Amino acid sequence: MSEPTKRRPRHLMDPNNLQPAPRRDAMSIGQVQQWVMSVLAVTTILHLVVGMILLALSIDESHQASRWGLLVISAVFGLLSVAAGRAIHRASLVTPWLLLGLVPSLVGAWFLL
């Protein structure tokens, strides 16, 4: 009769079944979800901003107040897009990074002039 195999206690390493070492730089599922959500929020709002800028550029030049009004609204939405991304990551909303939200509107203002 064959001798029964002796079971190794769980806390000891099994040399026949080595487990890979955990990666220290791996992100958790929650972190990945935060990044996906913030990227989706920022890009969706920035699409709205670019659409409003294009609308402002397509309005007749005799309606300058409407063109500049849409540009100001797009600048506010640009700021809100960066703030939304930072809020999803629970970071401070008062930061110089908010100025990145103004970039599309500044480019639109350059074309408007």
PDB file of N, CA and C in Angstrom:
ATOM      1  N   MET A   1       0.826  -1.169   0.000  1.00  0.00           N
ATOM      2  CA  MET A   1       0.000   0.000   0.000  1.00  0.00           C
ATOM      3  C   MET A   1       0.878   1.243   0.000  1.00  0.00           C
ATOM      4  N   SER A   2       0.378   2.277  -0.688  1.00  0.00           N
ATOM      5  CA  SER A   2       1.184   3.491  -0.747  1.00  0.00           C
ATOM      6  C   SER A   2       0.958   4.332   0.499  1.00  0.00           C
ATOM      7  N   GLU A   3       1.959   5.057   0.791  1.00  0.00           N
ATOM      8  CA  GLU A   3       1.920   5.895   1.981  1.00  0.00           C
ATOM      9  C   GLU A   3       1.113   7.164   1.665  1.00  0.00           C
ATOM     10  N   PRO A   4       0.157   7.588   2.524  1.00  0.00           N
ATOM     11  CA  PRO A   4      -0.615   8.806   2.222  1.00  0.00           C
ATOM     12  C   PRO A   4       0.288  10.037   2.263  1.00  0.00           C
ATOM     13  N   THR A   5      -0.002  10.959   1.351  1.00  0.00           N
ATOM     14  CA  THR A   5       0.802  12.194   1.312  1.00  0.00           C
ATOM     15  C   THR A   5       0.470  13.043   2.526  1.00  0.00           C
ATOM     16  N   LYS A   6       1.502  13.583   3.066  1.00  0.00           N
ATOM     17  CA  LYS A   6       1.340  14.411   4.252  1.00  0.00           C
ATOM     18  C   LYS A   6       0.931  15.822   3.798  1.00  0.00           C
ATOM     19  N   ARG A   7      -0.145  16.331   4.346  1.00  0.00           N
ATOM     20  CA  ARG A   7      -0.631  17.670   3.988  1.00  0.00           C
ATOM     21  C   ARG A   7       0.220  18.720   4.676  1.00  0.00           C
ATOM     22  N   ARG A   8       0.605  19.679   3.904  1.00  0.00           N
ATOM     23  CA  ARG A   8       1.422  20.768   4.412  1.00  0.00           C
ATOM     24  C   ARG A   8       0.500  21.824   5.047  1.00  0.00           C
ATOM     25  N   PRO A   9       0.835  22.337   6.197  1.00  0.00           N
ATOM     26  CA  PRO A   9       0.010  23.398   6.795  1.00  0.00           C
ATOM     27  C   PRO A   9      -0.079  24.607   5.852  1.00  0.00           C
ATOM     28  N   ARG A  10      -1.192  25.301   5.902  1.00  0.00           N
ATOM     29  CA  ARG A  10      -1.477  26.382   4.968  1.00  0.00           C
ATOM     30  C   ARG A  10      -0.500  27.548   5.078  1.00  0.00           C
ATOM     31  N   HIS A  11       0.030  27.774   6.256  1.00  0.00           N
ATOM     32  CA  HIS A  11       0.891  28.934   6.438  1.00  0.00           C
ATOM     33  C   HIS A  11       2.307  28.700   5.898  1.00  0.00           C
ATOM     34  N   LEU A  12       2.606  27.493   5.479  1.00  0.00           N
ATOM     35  CA  LEU A  12       3.931  27.198   4.938  1.00  0.00           C
ATOM     36  C   LEU A  12       3.908  27.245   3.411  1.00  0.00           C
ATOM     37  N   MET A  13       5.031  27.551   2.824  1.00  0.00           N
ATOM     38  CA  MET A  13       5.145  27.641   1.378  1.00  0.00           C
ATOM     39  C   MET A  13       5.169  26.241   0.768  1.00  0.00           C
ATOM     40  N   ASP A  14       4.463  26.073  -0.343  1.00  0.00           N
ATOM     41  CA  ASP A  14       4.475  24.811  -1.074  1.00  0.00           C
ATOM     42  C   ASP A  14       5.407  24.975  -2.272  1.00  0.00           C
ATOM     43  N   PRO A  15       6.575  24.345  -2.287  1.00  0.00           N
ATOM     44  CA  PRO A  15       7.516  24.546  -3.391  1.00  0.00           C
ATOM     45  C   PRO A  15       6.990  24.046  -4.731  1.00  0.00           C
ATOM     46  N   ASN A  16       5.997  23.190  -4.729  1.00  0.00           N
ATOM     47  CA  ASN A  16       5.425  22.685  -5.980  1.00  0.00           C
ATOM     48  C   ASN A  16       4.324  23.594  -6.527  1.00  0.00           C
ATOM     49  N   ASN A  17       3.878  24.546  -5.736  1.00  0.00           N
ATOM     50  CA  ASN A  17       2.794  25.437  -6.150  1.00  0.00           C
ATOM     51  C   ASN A  17       3.101  26.855  -5.668  1.00  0.00           C
ATOM     52  N   LEU A  18       4.099  27.480  -6.257  1.00  0.00           N
ATOM     53  CA  LEU A  18       4.508  28.818  -5.829  1.00  0.00           C
ATOM     54  C   LEU A  18       3.517  29.864  -6.316  1.00  0.00           C
ATOM     55  N   GLN A  19       3.227  30.805  -5.453  1.00  0.00           N
ATOM     56  CA  GLN A  19       2.330  31.898  -5.801  1.00  0.00           C
ATOM     57  C   GLN A  19       3.162  33.096  -6.241  1.00  0.00           C
ATOM     58  N   PRO A  20       2.702  33.844  -7.251  1.00  0.00           N
ATOM     59  CA  PRO A  20       3.468  35.024  -7.667  1.00  0.00           C
ATOM     60  C   PRO A  20       3.447  36.093  -6.567  1.00  0.00           C
ATOM     61  N   ALA A  21       4.537  36.800  -6.481  1.00  0.00           N
ATOM     62  CA  ALA A  21       4.628  37.868  -5.482  1.00  0.00           C
ATOM     63  C   ALA A  21       3.683  38.997  -5.878  1.00  0.00           C
ATOM     64  N   PRO A  22       2.980  39.582  -4.915  1.00  0.00           N
ATOM     65  CA  PRO A  22       2.078  40.687  -5.250  1.00  0.00           C
ATOM     66  C   PRO A  22       2.873  41.896  -5.732  1.00  0.00           C
ATOM     67  N   ARG A  23       2.332  42.546  -6.781  1.00  0.00           N
ATOM     68  CA  ARG A  23       2.988  43.736  -7.309  1.00  0.00           C
ATOM     69  C   ARG A  23       2.671  44.929  -6.416  1.00  0.00           C
ATOM     70  N   ARG A  24       3.664  45.693  -6.114  1.00  0.00           N
ATOM     71  CA  ARG A  24       3.466  46.845  -5.234  1.00  0.00           C
ATOM     72  C   ARG A  24       2.841  48.024  -5.966  1.00  0.00           C
ATOM     73  N   ASP A  25       3.028  48.109  -7.291  1.00  0.00           N
ATOM     74  CA  ASP A  25       2.500  49.246  -8.031  1.00  0.00           C
ATOM     75  C   ASP A  25       1.134  48.951  -8.651  1.00  0.00           C
ATOM     76  N   ALA A  26       0.540  47.822  -8.344  1.00  0.00           N
ATOM     77  CA  ALA A  26      -0.762  47.471  -8.898  1.00  0.00           C
ATOM     78  C   ALA A  26      -1.844  48.348  -8.261  1.00  0.00           C
ATOM     79  N   MET A  27      -2.802  48.757  -9.085  1.00  0.00           N
ATOM     80  CA  MET A  27      -3.899  49.584  -8.604  1.00  0.00           C
ATOM     81  C   MET A  27      -5.064  48.696  -8.190  1.00  0.00           C
ATOM     82  N   SER A  28      -5.789  49.141  -7.190  1.00  0.00           N
ATOM     83  CA  SER A  28      -6.968  48.391  -6.770  1.00  0.00           C
ATOM     84  C   SER A  28      -8.117  48.686  -7.736  1.00  0.00           C
ATOM     85  N   ILE A  29      -9.170  47.910  -7.626  1.00  0.00           N
ATOM     86  CA  ILE A  29     -10.326  48.114  -8.502  1.00  0.00           C
ATOM     87  C   ILE A  29     -10.947  49.480  -8.239  1.00  0.00           C
ATOM     88  N   GLY A  30     -10.970  49.907  -6.998  1.00  0.00           N
ATOM     89  CA  GLY A  30     -11.520  51.223  -6.667  1.00  0.00           C
ATOM     90  C   GLY A  30     -10.739  52.352  -7.314  1.00  0.00           C
ATOM     91  N   GLN A  31      -9.415  52.225  -7.345  1.00  0.00           N
ATOM     92  CA  GLN A  31      -8.604  53.256  -7.986  1.00  0.00           C
ATOM     93  C   GLN A  31      -8.844  53.280  -9.488  1.00  0.00           C
ATOM     94  N   VAL A  32      -8.958  52.128 -10.089  1.00  0.00           N
ATOM     95  CA  VAL A  32      -9.230  52.069 -11.530  1.00  0.00           C
ATOM     96  C   VAL A  32     -10.601  52.673 -11.828  1.00  0.00           C
ATOM     97  N   GLN A  33     -11.572  52.382 -10.997  1.00  0.00           N
ATOM     98  CA  GLN A  33     -12.901  52.960 -11.191  1.00  0.00           C
ATOM     99  C   GLN A  33     -12.876  54.474 -11.069  1.00  0.00           C
ATOM    100  N   GLN A  34     -12.099  54.989 -10.111  1.00  0.00           N
ATOM    101  CA  GLN A  34     -11.975  56.445  -9.972  1.00  0.00           C
ATOM    102  C   GLN A  34     -11.379  57.056 -11.231  1.00  0.00           C
ATOM    103  N   TRP A  35     -10.318  56.450 -11.748  1.00  0.00           N
ATOM    104  CA  TRP A  35      -9.674  56.998 -12.942  1.00  0.00           C
ATOM    105  C   TRP A  35     -10.597  56.945 -14.153  1.00  0.00           C
ATOM    106  N   VAL A  36     -11.285  55.843 -14.331  1.00  0.00           N
ATOM    107  CA  VAL A  36     -12.204  55.731 -15.470  1.00  0.00           C
ATOM    108  C   VAL A  36     -13.325  56.755 -15.349  1.00  0.00           C
ATOM    109  N   MET A  37     -13.882  56.897 -14.161  1.00  0.00           N
ATOM    110  CA  MET A  37     -14.976  57.845 -13.958  1.00  0.00           C
ATOM    111  C   MET A  37     -14.518  59.283 -14.169  1.00  0.00           C
ATOM    112  N   SER A  38     -13.342  59.631 -13.664  1.00  0.00           N
ATOM    113  CA  SER A  38     -12.878  61.006 -13.823  1.00  0.00           C
ATOM    114  C   SER A  38     -12.542  61.318 -15.283  1.00  0.00           C
ATOM    115  N   VAL A  39     -11.951  60.357 -15.987  1.00  0.00           N
ATOM    116  CA  VAL A  39     -11.650  60.588 -17.403  1.00  0.00           C
ATOM    117  C   VAL A  39     -12.940  60.741 -18.196  1.00  0.00           C
ATOM    118  N   LEU A  40     -13.935  59.906 -17.915  1.00  0.00           N
ATOM    119  CA  LEU A  40     -15.213  60.027 -18.610  1.00  0.00           C
ATOM    120  C   LEU A  40     -15.893  61.360 -18.320  1.00  0.00           C
ATOM    121  N   ALA A  41     -15.882  61.775 -17.070  1.00  0.00           N
ATOM    122  CA  ALA A  41     -16.530  63.038 -16.706  1.00  0.00           C
ATOM    123  C   ALA A  41     -15.835  64.218 -17.381  1.00  0.00           C
ATOM    124  N   VAL A  42     -14.511  64.255 -17.310  1.00  0.00           N
ATOM    125  CA  VAL A  42     -13.773  65.393 -17.869  1.00  0.00           C
ATOM    126  C   VAL A  42     -13.938  65.442 -19.384  1.00  0.00           C
ATOM    127  N   THR A  43     -13.787  64.310 -20.067  1.00  0.00           N
ATOM    128  CA  THR A  43     -13.891  64.346 -21.529  1.00  0.00           C
ATOM    129  C   THR A  43     -15.308  64.655 -21.995  1.00  0.00           C
ATOM    130  N   THR A  44     -16.316  64.164 -21.276  1.00  0.00           N
ATOM    131  CA  THR A  44     -17.699  64.469 -21.659  1.00  0.00           C
ATOM    132  C   THR A  44     -17.984  65.958 -21.522  1.00  0.00           C
ATOM    133  N   ILE A  45     -17.570  66.549 -20.418  1.00  0.00           N
ATOM    134  CA  ILE A  45     -17.818  67.978 -20.224  1.00  0.00           C
ATOM    135  C   ILE A  45     -16.991  68.802 -21.210  1.00  0.00           C
ATOM    136  N   LEU A  46     -15.762  68.365 -21.504  1.00  0.00           N
ATOM    137  CA  LEU A  46     -14.948  69.111 -22.477  1.00  0.00           C
ATOM    138  C   LEU A  46     -15.528  69.014 -23.883  1.00  0.00           C
ATOM    139  N   HIS A  47     -16.210  67.913 -24.207  1.00  0.00           N
ATOM    140  CA  HIS A  47     -16.905  67.850 -25.495  1.00  0.00           C
ATOM    141  C   HIS A  47     -17.998  68.914 -25.557  1.00  0.00           C
ATOM    142  N   LEU A  48     -18.701  69.103 -24.461  1.00  0.00           N
ATOM    143  CA  LEU A  48     -19.705  70.154 -24.390  1.00  0.00           C
ATOM    144  C   LEU A  48     -19.061  71.526 -24.575  1.00  0.00           C
ATOM    145  N   VAL A  49     -17.910  71.737 -23.947  1.00  0.00           N
ATOM    146  CA  VAL A  49     -17.201  73.014 -24.050  1.00  0.00           C
ATOM    147  C   VAL A  49     -16.806  73.289 -25.501  1.00  0.00           C
ATOM    148  N   VAL A  50     -16.225  72.296 -26.154  1.00  0.00           N
ATOM    149  CA  VAL A  50     -15.803  72.491 -27.545  1.00  0.00           C
ATOM    150  C   VAL A  50     -17.017  72.740 -28.435  1.00  0.00           C
ATOM    151  N   GLY A  51     -18.116  72.044 -28.174  1.00  0.00           N
ATOM    152  CA  GLY A  51     -19.334  72.285 -28.944  1.00  0.00           C
ATOM    153  C   GLY A  51     -19.850  73.706 -28.782  1.00  0.00           C
ATOM    154  N   MET A  52     -19.803  74.235 -27.564  1.00  0.00           N
ATOM    155  CA  MET A  52     -20.249  75.616 -27.348  1.00  0.00           C
ATOM    156  C   MET A  52     -19.310  76.615 -28.019  1.00  0.00           C
ATOM    157  N   ILE A  53     -18.033  76.316 -28.034  1.00  0.00           N
ATOM    158  CA  ILE A  53     -17.078  77.205 -28.709  1.00  0.00           C
ATOM    159  C   ILE A  53     -17.349  77.201 -30.205  1.00  0.00           C
ATOM    160  N   LEU A  54     -17.573  76.027 -30.774  1.00  0.00           N
ATOM    161  CA  LEU A  54     -17.888  75.953 -32.199  1.00  0.00           C
ATOM    162  C   LEU A  54     -19.194  76.667 -32.509  1.00  0.00           C
ATOM    163  N   LEU A  55     -20.159  76.558 -31.613  1.00  0.00           N
ATOM    164  CA  LEU A  55     -21.412  77.290 -31.788  1.00  0.00           C
ATOM    165  C   LEU A  55     -21.168  78.797 -31.733  1.00  0.00           C
ATOM    166  N   ALA A  56     -20.332  79.233 -30.817  1.00  0.00           N
ATOM    167  CA  ALA A  56     -20.026  80.667 -30.722  1.00  0.00           C
ATOM    168  C   ALA A  56     -19.336  81.161 -31.984  1.00  0.00           C
ATOM    169  N   LEU A  57     -18.483  80.326 -32.567  1.00  0.00           N
ATOM    170  CA  LEU A  57     -17.792  80.734 -33.792  1.00  0.00           C
ATOM    171  C   LEU A  57     -18.719  80.725 -35.000  1.00  0.00           C
ATOM    172  N   SER A  58     -19.802  79.949 -34.940  1.00  0.00           N
ATOM    173  CA  SER A  58     -20.702  79.863 -36.086  1.00  0.00           C
ATOM    174  C   SER A  58     -21.785  80.942 -36.075  1.00  0.00           C
ATOM    175  N   ILE A  59     -21.954  81.637 -34.961  1.00  0.00           N
ATOM    176  CA  ILE A  59     -22.956  82.703 -34.875  1.00  0.00           C
ATOM    177  C   ILE A  59     -22.483  83.889 -35.709  1.00  0.00           C
ATOM    178  N   ASP A  60     -23.440  84.562 -36.318  1.00  0.00           N
ATOM    179  CA  ASP A  60     -23.139  85.728 -37.158  1.00  0.00           C
ATOM    180  C   ASP A  60     -22.376  86.797 -36.373  1.00  0.00           C
ATOM    181  N   GLU A  61     -21.463  87.460 -37.045  1.00  0.00           N
ATOM    182  CA  GLU A  61     -20.612  88.449 -36.371  1.00  0.00           C
ATOM    183  C   GLU A  61     -21.376  89.667 -35.861  1.00  0.00           C
ATOM    184  N   SER A  62     -22.610  89.861 -36.318  1.00  0.00           N
ATOM    185  CA  SER A  62     -23.394  91.004 -35.831  1.00  0.00           C
ATOM    186  C   SER A  62     -23.897  90.772 -34.399  1.00  0.00           C
ATOM    187  N   HIS A  63     -23.816  89.549 -33.907  1.00  0.00           N
ATOM    188  CA  HIS A  63     -24.260  89.213 -32.552  1.00  0.00           C
ATOM    189  C   HIS A  63     -23.047  88.922 -31.666  1.00  0.00           C
ATOM    190  N   GLN A  64     -22.216  89.917 -31.457  1.00  0.00           N
ATOM    191  CA  GLN A  64     -20.979  89.735 -30.686  1.00  0.00           C
ATOM    192  C   GLN A  64     -21.245  89.375 -29.230  1.00  0.00           C
ATOM    193  N   ALA A  65     -22.283  89.959 -28.646  1.00  0.00           N
ATOM    194  CA  ALA A  65     -22.579  89.675 -27.239  1.00  0.00           C
ATOM    195  C   ALA A  65     -22.917  88.196 -27.045  1.00  0.00           C
ATOM    196  N   SER A  66     -23.667  87.625 -27.981  1.00  0.00           N
ATOM    197  CA  SER A  66     -24.020  86.206 -27.887  1.00  0.00           C
ATOM    198  C   SER A  66     -22.786  85.331 -28.042  1.00  0.00           C
ATOM    199  N   ARG A  67     -21.901  85.709 -28.940  1.00  0.00           N
ATOM    200  CA  ARG A  67     -20.684  84.927 -29.164  1.00  0.00           C
ATOM    201  C   ARG A  67     -19.813  84.919 -27.910  1.00  0.00           C
ATOM    202  N   TRP A  68     -19.611  86.099 -27.332  1.00  0.00           N
ATOM    203  CA  TRP A  68     -18.765  86.188 -26.140  1.00  0.00           C
ATOM    204  C   TRP A  68     -19.443  85.561 -24.933  1.00  0.00           C
ATOM    205  N   GLY A  69     -20.780  85.651 -24.876  1.00  0.00           N
ATOM    206  CA  GLY A  69     -21.517  85.007 -23.782  1.00  0.00           C
ATOM    207  C   GLY A  69     -21.337  83.494 -23.798  1.00  0.00           C
ATOM    208  N   LEU A  70     -21.442  82.892 -24.989  1.00  0.00           N
ATOM    209  CA  LEU A  70     -21.216  81.456 -25.100  1.00  0.00           C
ATOM    210  C   LEU A  70     -19.783  81.095 -24.738  1.00  0.00           C
ATOM    211  N   LEU A  71     -18.850  81.965 -25.086  1.00  0.00           N
ATOM    212  CA  LEU A  71     -17.459  81.698 -24.751  1.00  0.00           C
ATOM    213  C   LEU A  71     -17.235  81.734 -23.238  1.00  0.00           C
ATOM    214  N   VAL A  72     -17.883  82.662 -22.556  1.00  0.00           N
ATOM    215  CA  VAL A  72     -17.761  82.737 -21.094  1.00  0.00           C
ATOM    216  C   VAL A  72     -18.397  81.506 -20.448  1.00  0.00           C
ATOM    217  N   ILE A  73     -19.559  81.091 -20.969  1.00  0.00           N
ATOM    218  CA  ILE A  73     -20.209  79.901 -20.432  1.00  0.00           C
ATOM    219  C   ILE A  73     -19.336  78.678 -20.647  1.00  0.00           C
ATOM    220  N   SER A  74     -18.696  78.587 -21.816  1.00  0.00           N
ATOM    221  CA  SER A  74     -17.816  77.442 -22.069  1.00  0.00           C
ATOM    222  C   SER A  74     -16.604  77.467 -21.131  1.00  0.00           C
ATOM    223  N   ALA A  75     -16.122  78.653 -20.779  1.00  0.00           N
ATOM    224  CA  ALA A  75     -15.000  78.748 -19.831  1.00  0.00           C
ATOM    225  C   ALA A  75     -15.418  78.241 -18.452  1.00  0.00           C
ATOM    226  N   VAL A  76     -16.632  78.576 -18.029  1.00  0.00           N
ATOM    227  CA  VAL A  76     -17.126  78.104 -16.733  1.00  0.00           C
ATOM    228  C   VAL A  76     -17.261  76.580 -16.740  1.00  0.00           C
ATOM    229  N   PHE A  77     -17.796  76.031 -17.828  1.00  0.00           N
ATOM    230  CA  PHE A  77     -17.911  74.577 -17.919  1.00  0.00           C
ATOM    231  C   PHE A  77     -16.541  73.917 -17.976  1.00  0.00           C
ATOM    232  N   GLY A  78     -15.564  74.568 -18.589  1.00  0.00           N
ATOM    233  CA  GLY A  78     -14.212  74.026 -18.601  1.00  0.00           C
ATOM    234  C   GLY A  78     -13.638  73.938 -17.194  1.00  0.00           C
ATOM    235  N   LEU A  79     -13.867  74.984 -16.405  1.00  0.00           N
ATOM    236  CA  LEU A  79     -13.419  74.946 -15.010  1.00  0.00           C
ATOM    237  C   LEU A  79     -14.131  73.841 -14.232  1.00  0.00           C
ATOM    238  N   LEU A  80     -15.436  73.681 -14.502  1.00  0.00           N
ATOM    239  CA  LEU A  80     -16.199  72.645 -13.813  1.00  0.00           C
ATOM    240  C   LEU A  80     -15.730  71.243 -14.203  1.00  0.00           C
ATOM    241  N   SER A  81     -15.254  71.079 -15.426  1.00  0.00           N
ATOM    242  CA  SER A  81     -14.791  69.750 -15.838  1.00  0.00           C
ATOM    243  C   SER A  81     -13.558  69.332 -15.044  1.00  0.00           C
ATOM    244  N   VAL A  82     -12.618  70.253 -14.878  1.00  0.00           N
ATOM    245  CA  VAL A  82     -11.425  69.921 -14.097  1.00  0.00           C
ATOM    246  C   VAL A  82     -11.800  69.727 -12.629  1.00  0.00           C
ATOM    247  N   ALA A  83     -12.702  70.558 -12.132  1.00  0.00           N
ATOM    248  CA  ALA A  83     -13.140  70.418 -10.738  1.00  0.00           C
ATOM    249  C   ALA A  83     -13.851  69.078 -10.522  1.00  0.00           C
ATOM    250  N   ALA A  84     -14.620  68.613 -11.506  1.00  0.00           N
ATOM    251  CA  ALA A  84     -15.300  67.322 -11.383  1.00  0.00           C
ATOM    252  C   ALA A  84     -14.287  66.181 -11.312  1.00  0.00           C
ATOM    253  N   GLY A  85     -13.269  66.254 -12.146  1.00  0.00           N
ATOM    254  CA  GLY A  85     -12.236  65.220 -12.108  1.00  0.00           C
ATOM    255  C   GLY A  85     -11.520  65.177 -10.776  1.00  0.00           C
ATOM    256  N   ARG A  86     -11.229  66.343 -10.237  1.00  0.00           N
ATOM    257  CA  ARG A  86     -10.549  66.387  -8.941  1.00  0.00           C
ATOM    258  C   ARG A  86     -11.483  65.962  -7.811  1.00  0.00           C
ATOM    259  N   ALA A  87     -12.762  66.283  -7.924  1.00  0.00           N
ATOM    260  CA  ALA A  87     -13.718  65.892  -6.885  1.00  0.00           C
ATOM    261  C   ALA A  87     -13.887  64.380  -6.845  1.00  0.00           C
ATOM    262  N   ILE A  88     -13.856  63.733  -8.001  1.00  0.00           N
ATOM    263  CA  ILE A  88     -13.978  62.274  -8.027  1.00  0.00           C
ATOM    264  C   ILE A  88     -12.802  61.633  -7.298  1.00  0.00           C
ATOM    265  N   HIS A  89     -11.621  62.245  -7.409  1.00  0.00           N
ATOM    266  CA  HIS A  89     -10.441  61.723  -6.717  1.00  0.00           C
ATOM    267  C   HIS A  89     -10.328  62.250  -5.282  1.00  0.00           C
ATOM    268  N   ARG A  90     -11.306  63.006  -4.846  1.00  0.00           N
ATOM    269  CA  ARG A  90     -11.332  63.595  -3.505  1.00  0.00           C
ATOM    270  C   ARG A  90     -10.103  64.464  -3.241  1.00  0.00           C
ATOM    271  N   ALA A  91      -9.688  65.200  -4.267  1.00  0.00           N
ATOM    272  CA  ALA A  91      -8.560  66.114  -4.141  1.00  0.00           C
ATOM    273  C   ALA A  91      -9.103  67.527  -3.927  1.00  0.00           C
ATOM    274  N   SER A  92      -8.240  68.404  -3.512  1.00  0.00           N
ATOM    275  CA  SER A  92      -8.635  69.797  -3.278  1.00  0.00           C
ATOM    276  C   SER A  92      -9.095  70.434  -4.587  1.00  0.00           C
ATOM    277  N   LEU A  93     -10.202  71.162  -4.516  1.00  0.00           N
ATOM    278  CA  LEU A  93     -10.721  71.812  -5.720  1.00  0.00           C
ATOM    279  C   LEU A  93     -10.021  73.124  -6.019  1.00  0.00           C
ATOM    280  N   VAL A  94      -9.430  73.729  -5.021  1.00  0.00           N
ATOM    281  CA  VAL A  94      -8.731  74.998  -5.206  1.00  0.00           C
ATOM    282  C   VAL A  94      -7.275  74.677  -5.529  1.00  0.00           C
ATOM    283  N   THR A  95      -6.953  74.760  -6.815  1.00  0.00           N
ATOM    284  CA  THR A  95      -5.625  74.385  -7.268  1.00  0.00           C
ATOM    285  C   THR A  95      -5.330  75.081  -8.597  1.00  0.00           C
ATOM    286  N   PRO A  96      -4.085  75.291  -8.909  1.00  0.00           N
ATOM    287  CA  PRO A  96      -3.754  75.880 -10.214  1.00  0.00           C
ATOM    288  C   PRO A  96      -4.150  74.988 -11.392  1.00  0.00           C
ATOM    289  N   TRP A  97      -4.400  73.717 -11.159  1.00  0.00           N
ATOM    290  CA  TRP A  97      -4.810  72.821 -12.236  1.00  0.00           C
ATOM    291  C   TRP A  97      -6.150  73.235 -12.834  1.00  0.00           C
ATOM    292  N   LEU A  98      -6.938  73.998 -12.097  1.00  0.00           N
ATOM    293  CA  LEU A  98      -8.219  74.467 -12.629  1.00  0.00           C
ATOM    294  C   LEU A  98      -8.028  75.314 -13.889  1.00  0.00           C
ATOM    295  N   LEU A  99      -6.881  75.961 -13.998  1.00  0.00           N
ATOM    296  CA  LEU A  99      -6.640  76.814 -15.161  1.00  0.00           C
ATOM    297  C   LEU A  99      -6.594  76.014 -16.461  1.00  0.00           C
ATOM    298  N   LEU A 100      -6.349  74.709 -16.376  1.00  0.00           N
ATOM    299  CA  LEU A 100      -6.386  73.881 -17.585  1.00  0.00           C
ATOM    300  C   LEU A 100      -7.774  73.873 -18.215  1.00  0.00           C
ATOM    301  N   GLY A 101      -8.795  74.068 -17.427  1.00  0.00           N
ATOM    302  CA  GLY A 101     -10.154  74.112 -17.956  1.00  0.00           C
ATOM    303  C   GLY A 101     -10.414  75.326 -18.819  1.00  0.00           C
ATOM    304  N   LEU A 102      -9.590  76.343 -18.696  1.00  0.00           N
ATOM    305  CA  LEU A 102      -9.759  77.554 -19.497  1.00  0.00           C
ATOM    306  C   LEU A 102      -9.098  77.469 -20.867  1.00  0.00           C
ATOM    307  N   VAL A 103      -8.251  76.478 -21.073  1.00  0.00           N
ATOM    308  CA  VAL A 103      -7.482  76.396 -22.319  1.00  0.00           C
ATOM    309  C   VAL A 103      -8.379  76.335 -23.559  1.00  0.00           C
ATOM    310  N   PRO A 104      -9.409  75.468 -23.614  1.00  0.00           N
ATOM    311  CA  PRO A 104     -10.243  75.460 -24.827  1.00  0.00           C
ATOM    312  C   PRO A 104     -10.923  76.802 -25.092  1.00  0.00           C
ATOM    313  N   SER A 105     -11.364  77.474 -24.046  1.00  0.00           N
ATOM    314  CA  SER A 105     -12.036  78.764 -24.230  1.00  0.00           C
ATOM    315  C   SER A 105     -11.048  79.838 -24.668  1.00  0.00           C
ATOM    316  N   LEU A 106      -9.822  79.776 -24.185  1.00  0.00           N
ATOM    317  CA  LEU A 106      -8.815  80.743 -24.638  1.00  0.00           C
ATOM    318  C   LEU A 106      -8.475  80.535 -26.114  1.00  0.00           C
ATOM    319  N   VAL A 107      -8.432  79.290 -26.537  1.00  0.00           N
ATOM    320  CA  VAL A 107      -8.199  79.015 -27.961  1.00  0.00           C
ATOM    321  C   VAL A 107      -9.395  79.523 -28.771  1.00  0.00           C
ATOM    322  N   GLY A 108     -10.603  79.304 -28.266  1.00  0.00           N
ATOM    323  CA  GLY A 108     -11.788  79.818 -28.946  1.00  0.00           C
ATOM    324  C   GLY A 108     -11.812  81.334 -28.996  1.00  0.00           C
ATOM    325  N   ALA A 109     -11.344  81.988 -27.935  1.00  0.00           N
ATOM    326  CA  ALA A 109     -11.292  83.461 -27.937  1.00  0.00           C
ATOM    327  C   ALA A 109     -10.278  83.955 -28.956  1.00  0.00           C
ATOM    328  N   TRP A 110      -9.197  83.217 -29.137  1.00  0.00           N
ATOM    329  CA  TRP A 110      -8.197  83.609 -30.144  1.00  0.00           C
ATOM    330  C   TRP A 110      -8.817  83.557 -31.543  1.00  0.00           C
ATOM    331  N   PHE A 111      -9.620  82.540 -31.817  1.00  0.00           N
ATOM    332  CA  PHE A 111     -10.288  82.440 -33.118  1.00  0.00           C
ATOM    333  C   PHE A 111     -11.412  83.460 -33.240  1.00  0.00           C
ATOM    334  N   LEU A 112     -12.025  83.832 -32.134  1.00  0.00           N
ATOM    335  CA  LEU A 112     -13.121  84.787 -32.153  1.00  0.00           C
ATOM    336  C   LEU A 112     -12.620  86.192 -32.431  1.00  0.00           C
ATOM    337  N   LEU A 113     -11.400  86.483 -32.018  1.00  0.00           N
ATOM    338  CA  LEU A 113     -10.837  87.813 -32.288  1.00  0.00           C
ATOM    339  C   LEU A 113     -10.350  87.833 -33.697  1.00  0.00           C
TER     340      LEU A 113
END
